[in-house]
Amino acid sequence: MSMVATVAGAQEISGDPAAGEKVFNKCKACHVADEAKNKVGPHLVGVIGRTAGTVEDFRYSSAMVEAGEGGLVWDVPSLSEYLAKPRDKVKGTKMAFAGLKKEDEIADVIAYLNEHPAE
C-alpha cells in the first residue's frame, strides 16, 4: 500500500490515492473528479481549496451556498468532517450520502481528489 503525503496549500494530505479511487466508486453515481462536468452532484475537480457552493452551473442547496458565503472553504479538515457526516457539517445539504465511516477511507478519498486539481 503506497501512502502519499503532499501539501495542498499549507495542508498535509495523507492517504492512498489508488485506494481513494476505489472508495470514490461509491460517489460516482453523483460526482466526477476527473473532468469539470456536473452530474446529480457538482464535479469535484479542484475541490480542495474551493469555496463551498461555487461550482458554475450547479444548483446547490441554499444551505451550501450560505456555508460558502459564510467562509466554508474545502480543505482537509472541512472535507474530512463533511465526508464523515455531510448533514452535520452542512445542515440542509442536498447530498443524500450518509457519509464514510472509516477515517482511512476519508483520507484516501481526499488524497484521490487531490490528484485532480483545478486547471
N, C-alpha and C. Protein backbone atom coordinates (compact mmCIF):
# COMPACT_ATOMS: atom_id res chain seq x y z
N MET A 1 0.85 -1.18 0.00
CA MET A 1 0.00 0.00 0.00
C MET A 1 0.89 1.23 0.00
N SER A 2 0.73 2.08 -0.97
CA SER A 2 1.55 3.28 -1.02
C SER A 2 0.80 4.43 -0.35
N MET A 3 1.49 5.08 0.53
CA MET A 3 0.91 6.23 1.22
C MET A 3 1.52 7.48 0.61
N VAL A 4 0.74 8.51 0.48
CA VAL A 4 1.20 9.74 -0.12
C VAL A 4 1.02 10.85 0.89
N ALA A 5 2.04 11.68 1.02
CA ALA A 5 1.91 12.88 1.85
C ALA A 5 2.33 14.05 0.97
N THR A 6 1.37 14.84 0.58
CA THR A 6 1.66 16.02 -0.23
C THR A 6 1.07 17.21 0.48
N VAL A 7 1.43 18.37 0.00
CA VAL A 7 0.92 19.58 0.63
C VAL A 7 0.05 20.31 -0.38
N ALA A 8 -1.19 20.56 -0.01
CA ALA A 8 -2.11 21.36 -0.82
C ALA A 8 -2.24 22.68 -0.07
N GLY A 9 -1.60 23.71 -0.60
CA GLY A 9 -1.51 24.94 0.18
C GLY A 9 -0.59 24.63 1.35
N ALA A 10 -1.07 24.84 2.55
CA ALA A 10 -0.28 24.53 3.74
C ALA A 10 -0.78 23.27 4.43
N GLN A 11 -1.57 22.47 3.74
CA GLN A 11 -2.19 21.30 4.35
C GLN A 11 -1.49 20.03 3.92
N GLU A 12 -1.23 19.17 4.87
CA GLU A 12 -0.68 17.87 4.51
C GLU A 12 -1.83 16.93 4.18
N ILE A 13 -1.68 16.25 3.08
CA ILE A 13 -2.69 15.28 2.67
C ILE A 13 -2.04 13.90 2.73
N SER A 14 -2.54 13.08 3.62
CA SER A 14 -2.01 11.72 3.72
C SER A 14 -3.11 10.77 3.31
N GLY A 15 -2.73 9.71 2.71
CA GLY A 15 -3.71 8.74 2.24
C GLY A 15 -3.20 8.11 0.97
N ASP A 16 -3.89 7.16 0.49
CA ASP A 16 -3.50 6.41 -0.69
C ASP A 16 -4.48 6.75 -1.82
N PRO A 17 -4.01 7.52 -2.82
CA PRO A 17 -4.92 7.91 -3.91
C PRO A 17 -5.53 6.72 -4.65
N ALA A 18 -4.76 5.65 -4.82
CA ALA A 18 -5.29 4.47 -5.53
C ALA A 18 -6.43 3.84 -4.72
N ALA A 19 -6.24 3.74 -3.42
CA ALA A 19 -7.32 3.22 -2.56
C ALA A 19 -8.49 4.19 -2.56
N GLY A 20 -8.18 5.49 -2.59
CA GLY A 20 -9.23 6.51 -2.63
C GLY A 20 -10.06 6.43 -3.88
N GLU A 21 -9.43 6.08 -5.00
CA GLU A 21 -10.18 5.93 -6.25
C GLU A 21 -11.21 4.80 -6.12
N LYS A 22 -10.82 3.73 -5.45
CA LYS A 22 -11.76 2.61 -5.24
C LYS A 22 -12.91 3.03 -4.33
N VAL A 23 -12.60 3.76 -3.26
CA VAL A 23 -13.65 4.24 -2.35
C VAL A 23 -14.56 5.22 -3.10
N PHE A 24 -13.97 6.03 -3.98
CA PHE A 24 -14.72 7.03 -4.74
C PHE A 24 -15.77 6.39 -5.64
N ASN A 25 -15.65 5.10 -5.91
CA ASN A 25 -16.68 4.41 -6.70
C ASN A 25 -18.06 4.57 -6.06
N LYS A 26 -18.11 4.73 -4.73
CA LYS A 26 -19.38 4.96 -4.03
C LYS A 26 -19.96 6.32 -4.40
N CYS A 27 -19.11 7.23 -4.85
CA CYS A 27 -19.51 8.61 -5.12
C CYS A 27 -19.87 8.85 -6.59
N LYS A 28 -19.45 7.92 -7.46
CA LYS A 28 -19.56 8.14 -8.91
C LYS A 28 -20.97 8.22 -9.45
N ALA A 29 -21.95 7.76 -8.71
CA ALA A 29 -23.33 7.90 -9.20
C ALA A 29 -23.71 9.38 -9.29
N CYS A 30 -23.08 10.21 -8.47
CA CYS A 30 -23.44 11.62 -8.41
C CYS A 30 -22.31 12.59 -8.76
N HIS A 31 -21.06 12.15 -8.65
CA HIS A 31 -19.92 13.06 -8.83
C HIS A 31 -18.88 12.49 -9.79
N VAL A 32 -18.14 13.39 -10.42
CA VAL A 32 -16.92 13.03 -11.15
C VAL A 32 -15.79 13.87 -10.59
N ALA A 33 -14.58 13.34 -10.67
CA ALA A 33 -13.42 14.06 -10.17
C ALA A 33 -12.40 14.34 -11.25
N ASP A 34 -12.58 13.74 -12.42
CA ASP A 34 -11.56 13.86 -13.46
C ASP A 34 -11.94 14.77 -14.62
N GLU A 35 -13.11 15.38 -14.57
CA GLU A 35 -13.50 16.37 -15.57
C GLU A 35 -14.52 17.33 -14.97
N ALA A 36 -14.51 18.55 -15.46
CA ALA A 36 -15.41 19.58 -14.94
C ALA A 36 -16.80 19.42 -15.55
N LYS A 37 -17.48 18.36 -15.13
CA LYS A 37 -18.81 18.04 -15.65
C LYS A 37 -19.72 17.71 -14.46
N ASN A 38 -20.75 18.48 -14.28
CA ASN A 38 -21.68 18.24 -13.18
C ASN A 38 -22.62 17.09 -13.51
N LYS A 39 -22.95 16.34 -12.48
CA LYS A 39 -23.94 15.27 -12.60
C LYS A 39 -25.06 15.61 -11.62
N VAL A 40 -25.54 14.64 -10.88
CA VAL A 40 -26.52 14.91 -9.83
C VAL A 40 -25.89 15.82 -8.78
N GLY A 41 -24.60 15.60 -8.54
CA GLY A 41 -23.81 16.45 -7.64
C GLY A 41 -22.80 17.24 -8.46
N PRO A 42 -22.17 18.23 -7.85
CA PRO A 42 -21.18 19.02 -8.58
C PRO A 42 -19.93 18.20 -8.88
N HIS A 43 -19.20 18.60 -9.93
CA HIS A 43 -17.91 17.95 -10.19
C HIS A 43 -16.95 18.31 -9.05
N LEU A 44 -15.96 17.48 -8.86
CA LEU A 44 -15.03 17.66 -7.75
C LEU A 44 -13.62 17.97 -8.21
N VAL A 45 -13.46 18.37 -9.46
CA VAL A 45 -12.15 18.82 -9.95
C VAL A 45 -11.77 20.08 -9.18
N GLY A 46 -10.61 20.07 -8.56
CA GLY A 46 -10.15 21.26 -7.84
C GLY A 46 -10.92 21.57 -6.58
N VAL A 47 -11.58 20.58 -5.99
CA VAL A 47 -12.41 20.84 -4.82
C VAL A 47 -11.58 21.33 -3.63
N ILE A 48 -10.37 20.82 -3.49
CA ILE A 48 -9.54 21.24 -2.35
C ILE A 48 -9.08 22.67 -2.58
N GLY A 49 -9.47 23.54 -1.68
CA GLY A 49 -9.17 24.96 -1.78
C GLY A 49 -10.31 25.79 -2.36
N ARG A 50 -11.39 25.14 -2.77
CA ARG A 50 -12.53 25.84 -3.38
C ARG A 50 -13.54 26.23 -2.31
N THR A 51 -14.14 27.38 -2.47
CA THR A 51 -15.22 27.81 -1.59
C THR A 51 -16.44 26.94 -1.84
N ALA A 52 -17.07 26.50 -0.78
CA ALA A 52 -18.25 25.64 -0.88
C ALA A 52 -19.37 26.34 -1.65
N GLY A 53 -20.07 25.56 -2.46
CA GLY A 53 -21.25 26.07 -3.17
C GLY A 53 -20.97 26.97 -4.34
N THR A 54 -19.80 26.82 -4.99
CA THR A 54 -19.43 27.77 -6.04
C THR A 54 -19.15 27.16 -7.41
N VAL A 55 -19.42 25.89 -7.63
CA VAL A 55 -19.20 25.32 -8.96
C VAL A 55 -20.22 25.92 -9.92
N GLU A 56 -19.71 26.42 -11.03
CA GLU A 56 -20.57 27.06 -12.03
C GLU A 56 -21.58 26.08 -12.60
N ASP A 57 -22.78 26.57 -12.84
CA ASP A 57 -23.86 25.79 -13.46
C ASP A 57 -24.33 24.61 -12.63
N PHE A 58 -24.15 24.67 -11.31
CA PHE A 58 -24.71 23.64 -10.45
C PHE A 58 -25.64 24.31 -9.45
N ARG A 59 -26.82 23.72 -9.26
CA ARG A 59 -27.82 24.28 -8.33
C ARG A 59 -27.64 23.65 -6.95
N TYR A 60 -26.98 24.39 -6.10
CA TYR A 60 -26.75 23.95 -4.72
C TYR A 60 -27.96 24.25 -3.85
N SER A 61 -28.00 23.58 -2.71
CA SER A 61 -28.99 23.93 -1.69
C SER A 61 -28.63 25.31 -1.16
N SER A 62 -29.63 26.01 -0.65
CA SER A 62 -29.34 27.32 -0.05
C SER A 62 -28.39 27.16 1.12
N ALA A 63 -28.45 26.03 1.82
CA ALA A 63 -27.56 25.79 2.95
C ALA A 63 -26.10 25.74 2.51
N MET A 64 -25.83 25.10 1.37
CA MET A 64 -24.45 25.00 0.88
C MET A 64 -23.95 26.36 0.40
N VAL A 65 -24.80 27.10 -0.29
CA VAL A 65 -24.42 28.44 -0.75
C VAL A 65 -24.12 29.32 0.45
N GLU A 66 -24.99 29.27 1.45
CA GLU A 66 -24.78 30.07 2.67
C GLU A 66 -23.51 29.65 3.40
N ALA A 67 -23.20 28.36 3.40
CA ALA A 67 -21.96 27.90 4.04
C ALA A 67 -20.75 28.52 3.35
N GLY A 68 -20.76 28.53 2.02
CA GLY A 68 -19.66 29.15 1.28
C GLY A 68 -19.59 30.64 1.52
N GLU A 69 -20.74 31.30 1.51
CA GLU A 69 -20.77 32.74 1.77
C GLU A 69 -20.30 33.05 3.19
N GLY A 70 -20.49 32.08 4.08
CA GLY A 70 -20.04 32.23 5.46
C GLY A 70 -18.58 31.89 5.67
N GLY A 71 -17.89 31.49 4.59
CA GLY A 71 -16.46 31.26 4.68
C GLY A 71 -16.01 29.81 4.59
N LEU A 72 -16.92 28.87 4.33
CA LEU A 72 -16.50 27.47 4.24
C LEU A 72 -15.71 27.25 2.95
N VAL A 73 -14.47 26.88 3.13
CA VAL A 73 -13.59 26.51 2.02
C VAL A 73 -13.21 25.06 2.24
N TRP A 74 -13.26 24.27 1.18
CA TRP A 74 -12.95 22.85 1.30
C TRP A 74 -11.46 22.65 1.44
N ASP A 75 -11.05 22.30 2.66
CA ASP A 75 -9.68 21.93 2.95
C ASP A 75 -9.71 20.55 3.59
N VAL A 76 -8.56 20.05 4.02
CA VAL A 76 -8.52 18.70 4.57
C VAL A 76 -9.44 18.54 5.78
N PRO A 77 -9.38 19.44 6.77
CA PRO A 77 -10.28 19.26 7.91
C PRO A 77 -11.77 19.37 7.56
N SER A 78 -12.14 20.35 6.74
CA SER A 78 -13.56 20.52 6.43
C SER A 78 -14.07 19.38 5.55
N LEU A 79 -13.26 18.93 4.59
CA LEU A 79 -13.67 17.78 3.77
C LEU A 79 -13.78 16.52 4.61
N SER A 80 -12.86 16.35 5.55
CA SER A 80 -12.91 15.17 6.43
C SER A 80 -14.21 15.15 7.22
N GLU A 81 -14.58 16.29 7.78
CA GLU A 81 -15.83 16.38 8.54
C GLU A 81 -17.03 16.13 7.63
N TYR A 82 -17.02 16.74 6.45
CA TYR A 82 -18.16 16.61 5.54
C TYR A 82 -18.31 15.18 5.02
N LEU A 83 -17.19 14.56 4.67
CA LEU A 83 -17.27 13.18 4.16
C LEU A 83 -17.70 12.20 5.24
N ALA A 84 -17.44 12.51 6.50
CA ALA A 84 -17.86 11.64 7.60
C ALA A 84 -19.35 11.81 7.89
N LYS A 85 -19.82 13.06 7.93
CA LYS A 85 -21.22 13.33 8.27
C LYS A 85 -21.69 14.57 7.51
N PRO A 86 -22.04 14.42 6.24
CA PRO A 86 -22.42 15.58 5.43
C PRO A 86 -23.52 16.43 6.04
N ARG A 87 -24.55 15.80 6.57
CA ARG A 87 -25.69 16.57 7.07
C ARG A 87 -25.40 17.27 8.39
N ASP A 88 -24.37 16.81 9.10
CA ASP A 88 -23.96 17.51 10.32
C ASP A 88 -23.09 18.72 9.99
N LYS A 89 -22.23 18.57 8.98
CA LYS A 89 -21.32 19.65 8.60
C LYS A 89 -22.08 20.79 7.93
N VAL A 90 -23.00 20.47 7.02
CA VAL A 90 -23.81 21.49 6.34
C VAL A 90 -25.26 21.05 6.47
N LYS A 91 -25.90 21.55 7.49
CA LYS A 91 -27.31 21.21 7.73
C LYS A 91 -28.15 21.76 6.57
N GLY A 92 -28.90 20.87 5.91
CA GLY A 92 -29.69 21.29 4.76
C GLY A 92 -29.04 20.97 3.43
N THR A 93 -27.88 20.29 3.44
CA THR A 93 -27.24 19.90 2.19
C THR A 93 -28.17 18.96 1.40
N LYS A 94 -28.05 18.99 0.08
CA LYS A 94 -28.83 18.08 -0.76
C LYS A 94 -28.16 16.72 -0.90
N MET A 95 -26.92 16.60 -0.43
CA MET A 95 -26.21 15.33 -0.60
C MET A 95 -26.90 14.24 0.20
N ALA A 96 -27.30 13.19 -0.50
CA ALA A 96 -28.06 12.11 0.13
C ALA A 96 -27.17 11.09 0.83
N PHE A 97 -25.91 11.02 0.45
CA PHE A 97 -24.99 10.03 1.02
C PHE A 97 -24.81 10.27 2.51
N ALA A 98 -24.91 9.22 3.31
CA ALA A 98 -24.84 9.35 4.77
C ALA A 98 -23.43 9.65 5.27
N GLY A 99 -22.42 9.27 4.52
CA GLY A 99 -21.05 9.55 4.94
C GLY A 99 -20.19 8.30 4.98
N LEU A 100 -18.89 8.51 5.00
CA LEU A 100 -17.93 7.42 5.13
C LEU A 100 -17.64 7.22 6.61
N LYS A 101 -17.56 5.99 7.03
CA LYS A 101 -17.38 5.69 8.46
C LYS A 101 -15.92 5.54 8.86
N LYS A 102 -15.05 5.15 7.93
CA LYS A 102 -13.66 4.85 8.27
C LYS A 102 -12.75 6.03 7.95
N GLU A 103 -11.95 6.44 8.94
CA GLU A 103 -11.04 7.58 8.76
C GLU A 103 -10.05 7.34 7.63
N ASP A 104 -9.57 6.09 7.48
CA ASP A 104 -8.61 5.82 6.41
C ASP A 104 -9.26 5.97 5.04
N GLU A 105 -10.52 5.61 4.90
CA GLU A 105 -11.22 5.80 3.62
C GLU A 105 -11.39 7.28 3.31
N ILE A 106 -11.68 8.07 4.33
CA ILE A 106 -11.81 9.52 4.14
C ILE A 106 -10.48 10.10 3.68
N ALA A 107 -9.38 9.73 4.35
CA ALA A 107 -8.05 10.21 3.97
C ALA A 107 -7.70 9.78 2.55
N ASP A 108 -8.06 8.56 2.19
CA ASP A 108 -7.77 8.05 0.85
C ASP A 108 -8.56 8.81 -0.22
N VAL A 109 -9.83 9.09 0.04
CA VAL A 109 -10.64 9.84 -0.93
C VAL A 109 -10.08 11.25 -1.10
N ILE A 110 -9.68 11.89 -0.01
CA ILE A 110 -9.10 13.23 -0.11
C ILE A 110 -7.81 13.19 -0.92
N ALA A 111 -6.98 12.16 -0.70
CA ALA A 111 -5.75 12.02 -1.49
C ALA A 111 -6.09 11.83 -2.97
N TYR A 112 -7.13 11.07 -3.26
CA TYR A 112 -7.57 10.88 -4.64
C TYR A 112 -8.06 12.20 -5.24
N LEU A 113 -8.86 12.94 -4.51
CA LEU A 113 -9.36 14.23 -5.01
C LEU A 113 -8.21 15.20 -5.25
N ASN A 114 -7.18 15.13 -4.43
CA ASN A 114 -6.02 15.99 -4.58
C ASN A 114 -5.28 15.72 -5.89
N GLU A 115 -5.47 14.54 -6.45
CA GLU A 115 -4.84 14.18 -7.73
C GLU A 115 -5.53 14.89 -8.90
N HIS A 116 -6.65 15.58 -8.64
CA HIS A 116 -7.43 16.24 -9.69
C HIS A 116 -7.61 17.72 -9.37
N PRO A 117 -6.51 18.49 -9.44
CA PRO A 117 -6.60 19.92 -9.13
C PRO A 117 -7.28 20.70 -10.26
N ALA A 118 -7.71 21.91 -9.95
CA ALA A 118 -8.28 22.78 -10.98
C ALA A 118 -7.17 23.12 -11.97
N GLU A 119 -7.54 23.28 -13.21
CA GLU A 119 -6.52 23.57 -14.23
C GLU A 119 -6.33 25.04 -14.41
